[in-house]
Amino acid sequence: MIRVTHLISLDESELQEEFVRASGPGGQHVNKTETAVQLRFDVAGSPNLPPDVKARLVKLAGSRMSSSGVLIIVGDRYRSQLRNREDVRERLIDLIRDATVVPKTRRPTKPSYGAKQRRLEGKAKRAEVKRGRQYPGAQD
């Protein structure tokens, strides 16, 4: 079991890891070893995630989410398969933790009476400055 929060834990069997060849540094070694990791997690079919967390996770994942509800995270930062595996799992856990945070509801506010008055006074002052710049016959 992978502990995400005190309420959410993921079963190891829910994660599917596939190892592929990584691009980037590594010299000749990179052409013959499969160090990059593709982690697949079925968000839609996971029994361990509450529905509201699933909905936020789909939003957060963006293009990493397939149309069938599978989250795909690719890790090829490191030259080691083990480190890439740990990195991908940690990124999945961070993403799920971010999805557990309930966003605050926005309460619409209005400007105060004093703020409205200051805005109007500033506009009047600016209009007076511009009026003073006009040539004398323009006020007709």
C-alpha atoms as a PDB file:
ATOM      1  CA  MET A   1       0.000   0.000   0.000  1.00  0.00           C
ATOM      2  CA  ILE A   2       1.207   3.463  -0.932  1.00  0.00           C
ATOM      3  CA  ARG A   3       0.153   6.063   1.617  1.00  0.00           C
ATOM      4  CA  VAL A   4      -0.952   9.323  -0.005  1.00  0.00           C
ATOM      5  CA  THR A   5      -2.793  11.013   2.884  1.00  0.00           C
ATOM      6  CA  HIS A   6      -4.115   9.745   6.199  1.00  0.00           C
ATOM      7  CA  LEU A   7      -7.392   8.879   4.420  1.00  0.00           C
ATOM      8  CA  ILE A   8      -6.170   7.799   0.978  1.00  0.00           C
ATOM      9  CA  SER A   9      -3.931   4.822   0.219  1.00  0.00           C
ATOM     10  CA  LEU A  10      -3.242   3.253  -3.157  1.00  0.00           C
ATOM     11  CA  ASP A  11      -2.758  -0.444  -3.754  1.00  0.00           C
ATOM     12  CA  GLU A  12       0.420  -1.429  -5.640  1.00  0.00           C
ATOM     13  CA  SER A  13      -1.701  -3.435  -8.090  1.00  0.00           C
ATOM     14  CA  GLU A  14      -3.398  -0.206  -9.295  1.00  0.00           C
ATOM     15  CA  LEU A  15      -0.107   1.035 -10.750  1.00  0.00           C
ATOM     16  CA  GLN A  16       1.244  -0.295 -14.023  1.00  0.00           C
ATOM     17  CA  GLU A  17       4.863   0.469 -14.831  1.00  0.00           C
ATOM     18  CA  GLU A  18       6.423   0.030 -18.236  1.00  0.00           C
ATOM     19  CA  PHE A  19      10.115   0.584 -18.911  1.00  0.00           C
ATOM     20  CA  VAL A  20      11.133   2.221 -22.186  1.00  0.00           C
ATOM     21  CA  ARG A  21      14.310   3.636 -23.680  1.00  0.00           C
ATOM     22  CA  ALA A  22      15.065   7.140 -22.510  1.00  0.00           C
ATOM     23  CA  SER A  23      16.392   9.980 -24.613  1.00  0.00           C
ATOM     24  CA  GLY A  24      19.015  12.405 -23.391  1.00  0.00           C
ATOM     25  CA  PRO A  25      22.431  11.989 -21.756  1.00  0.00           C
ATOM     26  CA  GLY A  26      24.021   8.623 -21.145  1.00  0.00           C
ATOM     27  CA  GLY A  27      26.343   8.038 -24.082  1.00  0.00           C
ATOM     28  CA  GLN A  28      26.317   4.598 -25.679  1.00  0.00           C
ATOM     29  CA  HIS A  29      24.657   3.195 -22.559  1.00  0.00           C
ATOM     30  CA  VAL A  30      21.388   5.029 -23.281  1.00  0.00           C
ATOM     31  CA  ASN A  31      20.889   3.157 -26.576  1.00  0.00           C
ATOM     32  CA  LYS A  32      20.725  -0.299 -25.019  1.00  0.00           C
ATOM     33  CA  THR A  33      19.013   0.092 -21.631  1.00  0.00           C
ATOM     34  CA  GLU A  34      15.423   0.873 -20.788  1.00  0.00           C
ATOM     35  CA  THR A  35      15.693   3.346 -17.930  1.00  0.00           C
ATOM     36  CA  ALA A  36      12.670   5.595 -18.577  1.00  0.00           C
ATOM     37  CA  VAL A  37       9.458   4.686 -16.742  1.00  0.00           C
ATOM     38  CA  GLN A  38       5.853   5.098 -17.911  1.00  0.00           C
ATOM     39  CA  LEU A  39       3.508   4.887 -14.943  1.00  0.00           C
ATOM     40  CA  ARG A  40      -0.175   4.273 -15.671  1.00  0.00           C
ATOM     41  CA  PHE A  41      -2.833   4.819 -13.024  1.00  0.00           C
ATOM     42  CA  ASP A  42      -6.512   4.219 -13.772  1.00  0.00           C
ATOM     43  CA  VAL A  43      -8.132   7.184 -12.041  1.00  0.00           C
ATOM     44  CA  ALA A  44     -11.649   6.363 -13.232  1.00  0.00           C
ATOM     45  CA  GLY A  45     -11.459   2.762 -11.988  1.00  0.00           C
ATOM     46  CA  SER A  46      -9.682   3.379  -8.693  1.00  0.00           C
ATOM     47  CA  PRO A  47     -11.796   2.354  -5.687  1.00  0.00           C
ATOM     48  CA  ASN A  48      -9.502   4.194  -3.257  1.00  0.00           C
ATOM     49  CA  LEU A  49     -10.139   7.744  -4.500  1.00  0.00           C
ATOM     50  CA  PRO A  50     -13.259   9.705  -3.514  1.00  0.00           C
ATOM     51  CA  PRO A  51     -15.288  11.090  -6.468  1.00  0.00           C
ATOM     52  CA  ASP A  52     -14.454  14.749  -5.714  1.00  0.00           C
ATOM     53  CA  VAL A  53     -10.706  13.985  -5.626  1.00  0.00           C
ATOM     54  CA  LYS A  54     -11.037  12.100  -8.938  1.00  0.00           C
ATOM     55  CA  ALA A  55     -12.701  15.112 -10.568  1.00  0.00           C
ATOM     56  CA  ARG A  56     -10.005  17.528  -9.347  1.00  0.00           C
ATOM     57  CA  LEU A  57      -7.266  15.062 -10.358  1.00  0.00           C
ATOM     58  CA  VAL A  58      -8.620  14.893 -13.924  1.00  0.00           C
ATOM     59  CA  LYS A  59      -8.503  18.698 -14.056  1.00  0.00           C
ATOM     60  CA  LEU A  60      -4.978  18.895 -12.632  1.00  0.00           C
ATOM     61  CA  ALA A  61      -3.580  16.151 -14.869  1.00  0.00           C
ATOM     62  CA  GLY A  62      -4.560  17.926 -18.082  1.00  0.00           C
ATOM     63  CA  SER A  63      -2.909  16.349 -21.125  1.00  0.00           C
ATOM     64  CA  ARG A  64      -1.406  13.536 -19.031  1.00  0.00           C
ATOM     65  CA  MET A  65      -4.918  12.067 -18.704  1.00  0.00           C
ATOM     66  CA  SER A  66      -6.127   9.793 -21.498  1.00  0.00           C
ATOM     67  CA  SER A  67      -9.719   9.810 -22.723  1.00  0.00           C
ATOM     68  CA  SER A  68     -10.364   6.501 -20.940  1.00  0.00           C
ATOM     69  CA  GLY A  69      -9.465   8.015 -17.547  1.00  0.00           C
ATOM     70  CA  VAL A  70      -5.911   6.650 -17.259  1.00  0.00           C
ATOM     71  CA  LEU A  71      -3.222   8.984 -15.900  1.00  0.00           C
ATOM     72  CA  ILE A  72       0.152   8.510 -17.634  1.00  0.00           C
ATOM     73  CA  ILE A  73       3.296   9.933 -16.053  1.00  0.00           C
ATOM     74  CA  VAL A  74       6.642   9.534 -17.827  1.00  0.00           C
ATOM     75  CA  GLY A  75       9.907   9.757 -15.913  1.00  0.00           C
ATOM     76  CA  ASP A  76      13.308   9.946 -17.573  1.00  0.00           C
ATOM     77  CA  ARG A  77      15.126  12.542 -15.469  1.00  0.00           C
ATOM     78  CA  TYR A  78      17.717  10.128 -14.131  1.00  0.00           C
ATOM     79  CA  ARG A  79      19.980   7.527 -15.713  1.00  0.00           C
ATOM     80  CA  SER A  80      18.882   4.905 -13.205  1.00  0.00           C
ATOM     81  CA  GLN A  81      15.674   2.916 -13.667  1.00  0.00           C
ATOM     82  CA  LEU A  82      15.199   2.735  -9.898  1.00  0.00           C
ATOM     83  CA  ARG A  83      15.487   6.513  -9.418  1.00  0.00           C
ATOM     84  CA  ASN A  84      13.108   7.161 -12.333  1.00  0.00           C
ATOM     85  CA  ARG A  85      10.635   4.727 -10.786  1.00  0.00           C
ATOM     86  CA  GLU A  86      10.786   6.501  -7.406  1.00  0.00           C
ATOM     87  CA  ASP A  87      10.500   9.902  -9.114  1.00  0.00           C
ATOM     88  CA  VAL A  88       7.369   8.908 -11.056  1.00  0.00           C
ATOM     89  CA  ARG A  89       5.677   7.479  -7.969  1.00  0.00           C
ATOM     90  CA  GLU A  90       6.500  10.604  -5.964  1.00  0.00           C
ATOM     91  CA  ARG A  91       5.046  12.803  -8.716  1.00  0.00           C
ATOM     92  CA  LEU A  92       1.853  10.725  -8.724  1.00  0.00           C
ATOM     93  CA  ILE A  93       1.529  11.052  -4.942  1.00  0.00           C
ATOM     94  CA  ASP A  94       2.114  14.837  -5.130  1.00  0.00           C
ATOM     95  CA  LEU A  95      -0.518  15.165  -7.852  1.00  0.00           C
ATOM     96  CA  ILE A  96      -3.092  13.233  -5.804  1.00  0.00           C
ATOM     97  CA  ARG A  97      -2.261  15.297  -2.698  1.00  0.00           C
ATOM     98  CA  ASP A  98      -2.818  18.481  -4.693  1.00  0.00           C
ATOM     99  CA  ALA A  99      -6.184  17.100  -5.827  1.00  0.00           C
ATOM    100  CA  THR A 100      -7.278  16.510  -2.211  1.00  0.00           C
ATOM    101  CA  VAL A 101      -7.127  20.255  -1.455  1.00  0.00           C
ATOM    102  CA  VAL A 102     -10.615  21.729  -1.745  1.00  0.00           C
ATOM    103  CA  PRO A 103     -10.451  25.153  -3.431  1.00  0.00           C
ATOM    104  CA  LYS A 104     -11.947  28.087  -1.558  1.00  0.00           C
ATOM    105  CA  THR A 105     -15.244  29.366  -2.888  1.00  0.00           C
ATOM    106  CA  ARG A 106     -15.014  32.924  -4.157  1.00  0.00           C
ATOM    107  CA  ARG A 107     -17.193  35.462  -2.428  1.00  0.00           C
ATOM    108  CA  PRO A 108     -17.886  38.463  -4.642  1.00  0.00           C
ATOM    109  CA  THR A 109     -17.031  41.802  -3.024  1.00  0.00           C
ATOM    110  CA  LYS A 110     -17.961  45.374  -3.831  1.00  0.00           C
ATOM    111  CA  PRO A 111     -15.799  48.489  -3.578  1.00  0.00           C
ATOM    112  CA  SER A 112     -16.522  50.588  -0.498  1.00  0.00           C
ATOM    113  CA  TYR A 113     -18.252  53.940  -0.692  1.00  0.00           C
ATOM    114  CA  GLY A 114     -14.973  55.727   0.104  1.00  0.00           C
ATOM    115  CA  ALA A 115     -13.150  53.854  -2.668  1.00  0.00           C
ATOM    116  CA  LYS A 116     -15.813  54.892  -5.162  1.00  0.00           C
ATOM    117  CA  GLN A 117     -15.527  58.524  -4.058  1.00  0.00           C
ATOM    118  CA  ARG A 118     -11.712  58.512  -4.344  1.00  0.00           C
ATOM    119  CA  ARG A 119     -11.939  57.016  -7.847  1.00  0.00           C
ATOM    120  CA  LEU A 120     -14.417  59.670  -8.974  1.00  0.00           C
ATOM    121  CA  GLU A 121     -12.322  62.489  -7.441  1.00  0.00           C
ATOM    122  CA  GLY A 122      -9.249  61.188  -9.264  1.00  0.00           C
ATOM    123  CA  LYS A 123     -11.144  61.071 -12.549  1.00  0.00           C
ATOM    124  CA  ALA A 124     -12.405  64.626 -12.034  1.00  0.00           C
ATOM    125  CA  LYS A 125      -8.908  65.882 -11.230  1.00  0.00           C
ATOM    126  CA  ARG A 126      -7.484  64.181 -14.339  1.00  0.00           C
ATOM    127  CA  ALA A 127     -10.277  65.664 -16.506  1.00  0.00           C
ATOM    128  CA  GLU A 128      -9.488  69.141 -15.124  1.00  0.00           C
ATOM    129  CA  VAL A 129      -5.780  68.719 -16.000  1.00  0.00           C
ATOM    130  CA  LYS A 130      -6.669  67.695 -19.556  1.00  0.00           C
ATOM    131  CA  ARG A 131      -9.165  70.533 -19.868  1.00  0.00           C
ATOM    132  CA  GLY A 132      -6.420  72.969 -18.842  1.00  0.00           C
ATOM    133  CA  ARG A 133      -4.220  71.760 -21.707  1.00  0.00           C
ATOM    134  CA  GLN A 134      -6.765  72.734 -24.400  1.00  0.00           C
ATOM    135  CA  TYR A 135      -6.378  75.926 -26.366  1.00  0.00           C
ATOM    136  CA  PRO A 136      -8.768  78.727 -25.305  1.00  0.00           C
ATOM    137  CA  GLY A 137     -11.271  78.434 -28.194  1.00  0.00           C
ATOM    138  CA  ALA A 138     -11.871  74.680 -27.735  1.00  0.00           C
ATOM    139  CA  GLN A 139     -14.387  75.047 -24.891  1.00  0.00           C
ATOM    140  CA  ASP A 140     -17.209  76.171 -27.178  1.00  0.00           C
END
